[in-house]
Amino acid sequence: MAAGEALVGALRPGDVVLLTGPLGAGKTTFAKGVAKGLGVRERVTSPTFTMVREHHCSNDLGIETLHHCDVYRVESLDEVVDLAIGELVEESAVALVEWGELAASVFGRDVLTIDFVVGGDEGRDLVVDGALAAKRVDDLDHWADR
């Protein structure tokens, strides 16, 4: 949760963040941390069955809306396209997409991908990739130092 909250410093309005990794790796907990960092006041839960939950944010970053998405239950890429997640993310919003590997081709490379790797001691390594990672190296280095 702390890692998600700290990531907020590297986010900008319009960003799409794909969260990947196995079941139980911590994607939803991470999303709760991001929500907390963005000033979301309501309870954040997994959007597995609704697929997209919208949360109002209160912060000084210009991010007014967090779209928390979960594409675990989609059966085809067409279903991901139908969710129109890319259209939801406007100039004042950010999207977190759990099971993002299923949606990666919809967004192209202009995303931030965070892969949750479960270690043998139940720890987690977060592997960051994507075009946004290359553009925000300094912000992500600061995040990693936390």
C-alpha atoms as a PDB file:
ATOM      1  CA  MET A   1       0.000   0.000   0.000  1.00  0.00           C
ATOM      2  CA  ALA A   2       2.868   2.382   0.826  1.00  0.00           C
ATOM      3  CA  ALA A   3       4.431   1.741  -2.597  1.00  0.00           C
ATOM      4  CA  GLY A   4       1.158   2.676  -4.298  1.00  0.00           C
ATOM      5  CA  GLU A   5       0.783   5.821  -2.245  1.00  0.00           C
ATOM      6  CA  ALA A   6       4.359   6.849  -3.060  1.00  0.00           C
ATOM      7  CA  LEU A   7       3.863   6.241  -6.801  1.00  0.00           C
ATOM      8  CA  VAL A   8       1.464   9.170  -6.927  1.00  0.00           C
ATOM      9  CA  GLY A   9       4.435  11.530  -7.183  1.00  0.00           C
ATOM     10  CA  ALA A  10       5.269  10.030 -10.588  1.00  0.00           C
ATOM     11  CA  LEU A  11       1.711  10.155 -11.976  1.00  0.00           C
ATOM     12  CA  ARG A  12       0.294  12.800 -14.301  1.00  0.00           C
ATOM     13  CA  PRO A  13      -3.257  13.419 -15.500  1.00  0.00           C
ATOM     14  CA  GLY A  14      -4.017  11.153 -18.451  1.00  0.00           C
ATOM     15  CA  ASP A  15      -1.765   8.283 -17.324  1.00  0.00           C
ATOM     16  CA  VAL A  16      -2.676   4.625 -17.745  1.00  0.00           C
ATOM     17  CA  VAL A  17      -0.961   2.218 -15.350  1.00  0.00           C
ATOM     18  CA  LEU A  18      -1.171  -1.497 -16.090  1.00  0.00           C
ATOM     19  CA  LEU A  19      -0.783  -3.731 -13.030  1.00  0.00           C
ATOM     20  CA  THR A  20       0.312  -7.268 -13.842  1.00  0.00           C
ATOM     21  CA  GLY A  21       1.158 -10.338 -11.801  1.00  0.00           C
ATOM     22  CA  PRO A  22      -0.376 -13.481 -10.358  1.00  0.00           C
ATOM     23  CA  LEU A  23      -3.519 -13.742  -8.269  1.00  0.00           C
ATOM     24  CA  GLY A  24      -2.819 -12.516  -4.740  1.00  0.00           C
ATOM     25  CA  ALA A  25       0.319 -10.574  -5.693  1.00  0.00           C
ATOM     26  CA  GLY A  26      -0.968  -7.298  -4.255  1.00  0.00           C
ATOM     27  CA  LYS A  27      -2.411  -5.415  -7.228  1.00  0.00           C
ATOM     28  CA  THR A  28      -5.570  -4.304  -5.412  1.00  0.00           C
ATOM     29  CA  THR A  29      -3.651  -3.373  -2.259  1.00  0.00           C
ATOM     30  CA  PHE A  30      -1.297  -1.303  -4.411  1.00  0.00           C
ATOM     31  CA  ALA A  31      -4.314   0.376  -6.049  1.00  0.00           C
ATOM     32  CA  LYS A  32      -5.665   1.233  -2.590  1.00  0.00           C
ATOM     33  CA  GLY A  33      -2.360   2.963  -1.852  1.00  0.00           C
ATOM     34  CA  VAL A  34      -2.527   4.957  -5.089  1.00  0.00           C
ATOM     35  CA  ALA A  35      -6.105   5.944  -4.233  1.00  0.00           C
ATOM     36  CA  LYS A  36      -5.033   7.088  -0.782  1.00  0.00           C
ATOM     37  CA  GLY A  37      -2.200   9.136  -2.289  1.00  0.00           C
ATOM     38  CA  LEU A  38      -4.630  10.756  -4.735  1.00  0.00           C
ATOM     39  CA  GLY A  39      -6.975  11.733  -1.926  1.00  0.00           C
ATOM     40  CA  VAL A  40      -9.768   9.230  -2.577  1.00  0.00           C
ATOM     41  CA  ARG A  41     -11.959   9.223   0.509  1.00  0.00           C
ATOM     42  CA  GLU A  42     -14.343   6.343  -0.172  1.00  0.00           C
ATOM     43  CA  ARG A  43     -13.499   2.682   0.313  1.00  0.00           C
ATOM     44  CA  VAL A  44     -11.551   1.156  -2.571  1.00  0.00           C
ATOM     45  CA  THR A  45     -12.290  -2.478  -3.388  1.00  0.00           C
ATOM     46  CA  SER A  46     -11.460  -4.782  -6.263  1.00  0.00           C
ATOM     47  CA  PRO A  47     -13.538  -3.984  -9.338  1.00  0.00           C
ATOM     48  CA  THR A  48     -13.457  -7.626 -10.470  1.00  0.00           C
ATOM     49  CA  PHE A  49     -17.209  -7.875 -10.993  1.00  0.00           C
ATOM     50  CA  THR A  50     -17.984  -4.285 -12.016  1.00  0.00           C
ATOM     51  CA  MET A  51     -14.790  -4.097 -14.104  1.00  0.00           C
ATOM     52  CA  VAL A  52     -14.465  -0.306 -13.651  1.00  0.00           C
ATOM     53  CA  ARG A  53     -14.910   1.782 -10.529  1.00  0.00           C
ATOM     54  CA  GLU A  54     -14.635   5.554 -10.624  1.00  0.00           C
ATOM     55  CA  HIS A  55     -13.320   7.461  -7.610  1.00  0.00           C
ATOM     56  CA  HIS A  56     -13.243  11.207  -7.053  1.00  0.00           C
ATOM     57  CA  CYS A  57      -9.788  12.462  -6.029  1.00  0.00           C
ATOM     58  CA  SER A  58      -8.737  15.431  -3.926  1.00  0.00           C
ATOM     59  CA  ASN A  59      -5.109  16.467  -4.507  1.00  0.00           C
ATOM     60  CA  ASP A  60      -2.875  19.202  -5.885  1.00  0.00           C
ATOM     61  CA  LEU A  61      -1.770  17.183  -8.929  1.00  0.00           C
ATOM     62  CA  GLY A  62      -4.660  18.030 -11.240  1.00  0.00           C
ATOM     63  CA  ILE A  63      -5.912  14.431 -11.058  1.00  0.00           C
ATOM     64  CA  GLU A  64      -9.634  14.603 -10.328  1.00  0.00           C
ATOM     65  CA  THR A  65     -10.692  11.026 -11.109  1.00  0.00           C
ATOM     66  CA  LEU A  66      -9.192   7.593 -10.556  1.00  0.00           C
ATOM     67  CA  HIS A  67     -10.559   4.856 -12.808  1.00  0.00           C
ATOM     68  CA  HIS A  68      -9.777   1.533 -11.110  1.00  0.00           C
ATOM     69  CA  CYS A  69     -10.267  -1.269 -13.613  1.00  0.00           C
ATOM     70  CA  ASP A  70      -9.993  -5.035 -13.491  1.00  0.00           C
ATOM     71  CA  VAL A  71     -10.057  -7.018 -16.714  1.00  0.00           C
ATOM     72  CA  TYR A  72      -9.581 -10.459 -15.122  1.00  0.00           C
ATOM     73  CA  ARG A  73     -13.042 -11.605 -16.162  1.00  0.00           C
ATOM     74  CA  VAL A  74     -12.975 -10.431 -19.782  1.00  0.00           C
ATOM     75  CA  GLU A  75     -13.008 -13.181 -22.342  1.00  0.00           C
ATOM     76  CA  SER A  76     -11.709 -11.303 -25.369  1.00  0.00           C
ATOM     77  CA  LEU A  77      -9.773  -8.239 -26.400  1.00  0.00           C
ATOM     78  CA  ASP A  78     -13.011  -6.866 -27.876  1.00  0.00           C
ATOM     79  CA  GLU A  79     -14.467  -6.756 -24.355  1.00  0.00           C
ATOM     80  CA  VAL A  80     -11.492  -4.690 -23.205  1.00  0.00           C
ATOM     81  CA  VAL A  81     -12.047  -2.307 -26.123  1.00  0.00           C
ATOM     82  CA  ASP A  82     -15.758  -2.084 -25.226  1.00  0.00           C
ATOM     83  CA  LEU A  83     -14.857  -0.904 -21.711  1.00  0.00           C
ATOM     84  CA  ALA A  84     -13.368   2.220 -23.395  1.00  0.00           C
ATOM     85  CA  ILE A  85     -10.821   2.643 -20.616  1.00  0.00           C
ATOM     86  CA  GLY A  86      -8.611   4.744 -22.867  1.00  0.00           C
ATOM     87  CA  GLU A  87     -11.481   7.160 -23.440  1.00  0.00           C
ATOM     88  CA  LEU A  88     -12.199   7.376 -19.713  1.00  0.00           C
ATOM     89  CA  VAL A  89      -8.710   8.699 -19.062  1.00  0.00           C
ATOM     90  CA  GLU A  90      -8.940  12.306 -19.953  1.00  0.00           C
ATOM     91  CA  GLU A  91      -6.810  15.266 -19.041  1.00  0.00           C
ATOM     92  CA  SER A  92      -7.834  15.133 -15.377  1.00  0.00           C
ATOM     93  CA  ALA A  93      -7.967  11.375 -14.767  1.00  0.00           C
ATOM     94  CA  VAL A  94      -5.694   8.378 -14.218  1.00  0.00           C
ATOM     95  CA  ALA A  95      -6.507   4.711 -14.838  1.00  0.00           C
ATOM     96  CA  LEU A  96      -5.145   1.712 -12.952  1.00  0.00           C
ATOM     97  CA  VAL A  97      -5.844  -1.528 -14.815  1.00  0.00           C
ATOM     98  CA  GLU A  98      -5.463  -4.776 -12.872  1.00  0.00           C
ATOM     99  CA  TRP A  99      -4.568  -7.779 -15.022  1.00  0.00           C
ATOM    100  CA  GLY A 100      -3.206  -5.180 -17.413  1.00  0.00           C
ATOM    101  CA  GLU A 101      -1.338  -7.745 -19.509  1.00  0.00           C
ATOM    102  CA  LEU A 102      -4.740  -8.657 -20.980  1.00  0.00           C
ATOM    103  CA  ALA A 103      -5.281  -5.044 -22.059  1.00  0.00           C
ATOM    104  CA  ALA A 104      -1.753  -3.999 -23.025  1.00  0.00           C
ATOM    105  CA  SER A 105      -2.325  -4.117 -26.774  1.00  0.00           C
ATOM    106  CA  VAL A 106      -5.312  -1.770 -26.462  1.00  0.00           C
ATOM    107  CA  PHE A 107      -3.154   0.983 -24.978  1.00  0.00           C
ATOM    108  CA  GLY A 108       0.049   0.508 -26.946  1.00  0.00           C
ATOM    109  CA  ARG A 109       3.359   1.432 -25.357  1.00  0.00           C
ATOM    110  CA  ASP A 110       2.411   4.829 -23.895  1.00  0.00           C
ATOM    111  CA  VAL A 111       1.661   3.323 -20.491  1.00  0.00           C
ATOM    112  CA  LEU A 112       3.385   2.537 -17.235  1.00  0.00           C
ATOM    113  CA  THR A 113       3.445  -1.197 -16.530  1.00  0.00           C
ATOM    114  CA  ILE A 114       4.095  -2.468 -13.021  1.00  0.00           C
ATOM    115  CA  ASP A 115       4.642  -6.210 -12.753  1.00  0.00           C
ATOM    116  CA  PHE A 116       4.258  -7.741  -9.286  1.00  0.00           C
ATOM    117  CA  VAL A 117       6.754 -10.569  -8.820  1.00  0.00           C
ATOM    118  CA  VAL A 118       6.171 -12.716  -5.740  1.00  0.00           C
ATOM    119  CA  GLY A 119       9.417 -13.690  -4.006  1.00  0.00           C
ATOM    120  CA  GLY A 120      10.154 -16.913  -2.172  1.00  0.00           C
ATOM    121  CA  ASP A 121       9.925 -15.160   1.207  1.00  0.00           C
ATOM    122  CA  GLU A 122       6.455 -13.777   0.343  1.00  0.00           C
ATOM    123  CA  GLY A 123       8.044 -10.420  -0.500  1.00  0.00           C
ATOM    124  CA  ARG A 124       7.215  -8.537  -3.675  1.00  0.00           C
ATOM    125  CA  ASP A 125       9.430  -7.033  -6.333  1.00  0.00           C
ATOM    126  CA  LEU A 126       7.834  -4.411  -8.559  1.00  0.00           C
ATOM    127  CA  VAL A 127       9.226  -4.337 -12.085  1.00  0.00           C
ATOM    128  CA  VAL A 128       8.414  -1.111 -13.942  1.00  0.00           C
ATOM    129  CA  ASP A 129       8.359  -0.804 -17.734  1.00  0.00           C
ATOM    130  CA  GLY A 130       6.631   1.040 -20.563  1.00  0.00           C
ATOM    131  CA  ALA A 131       7.109   4.286 -22.439  1.00  0.00           C
ATOM    132  CA  LEU A 132       5.977   6.371 -19.462  1.00  0.00           C
ATOM    133  CA  ALA A 133       8.688   4.747 -17.347  1.00  0.00           C
ATOM    134  CA  ALA A 134      11.312   5.942 -19.808  1.00  0.00           C
ATOM    135  CA  LYS A 135       9.870   9.477 -19.708  1.00  0.00           C
ATOM    136  CA  ARG A 136       9.731   9.607 -15.897  1.00  0.00           C
ATOM    137  CA  VAL A 137      13.007   8.022 -14.859  1.00  0.00           C
ATOM    138  CA  ASP A 138      13.797  10.670 -12.227  1.00  0.00           C
ATOM    139  CA  ASP A 139      10.338  10.442 -10.621  1.00  0.00           C
ATOM    140  CA  LEU A 140      10.474   6.635 -10.616  1.00  0.00           C
ATOM    141  CA  ASP A 141      13.990   6.608  -9.178  1.00  0.00           C
ATOM    142  CA  HIS A 142      12.726   8.821  -6.346  1.00  0.00           C
ATOM    143  CA  TRP A 143       9.786   6.429  -5.853  1.00  0.00           C
ATOM    144  CA  ALA A 144      12.112   3.409  -5.748  1.00  0.00           C
ATOM    145  CA  ASP A 145      14.272   5.091  -3.107  1.00  0.00           C
ATOM    146  CA  ARG A 146      11.269   5.302  -0.788  1.00  0.00           C
END
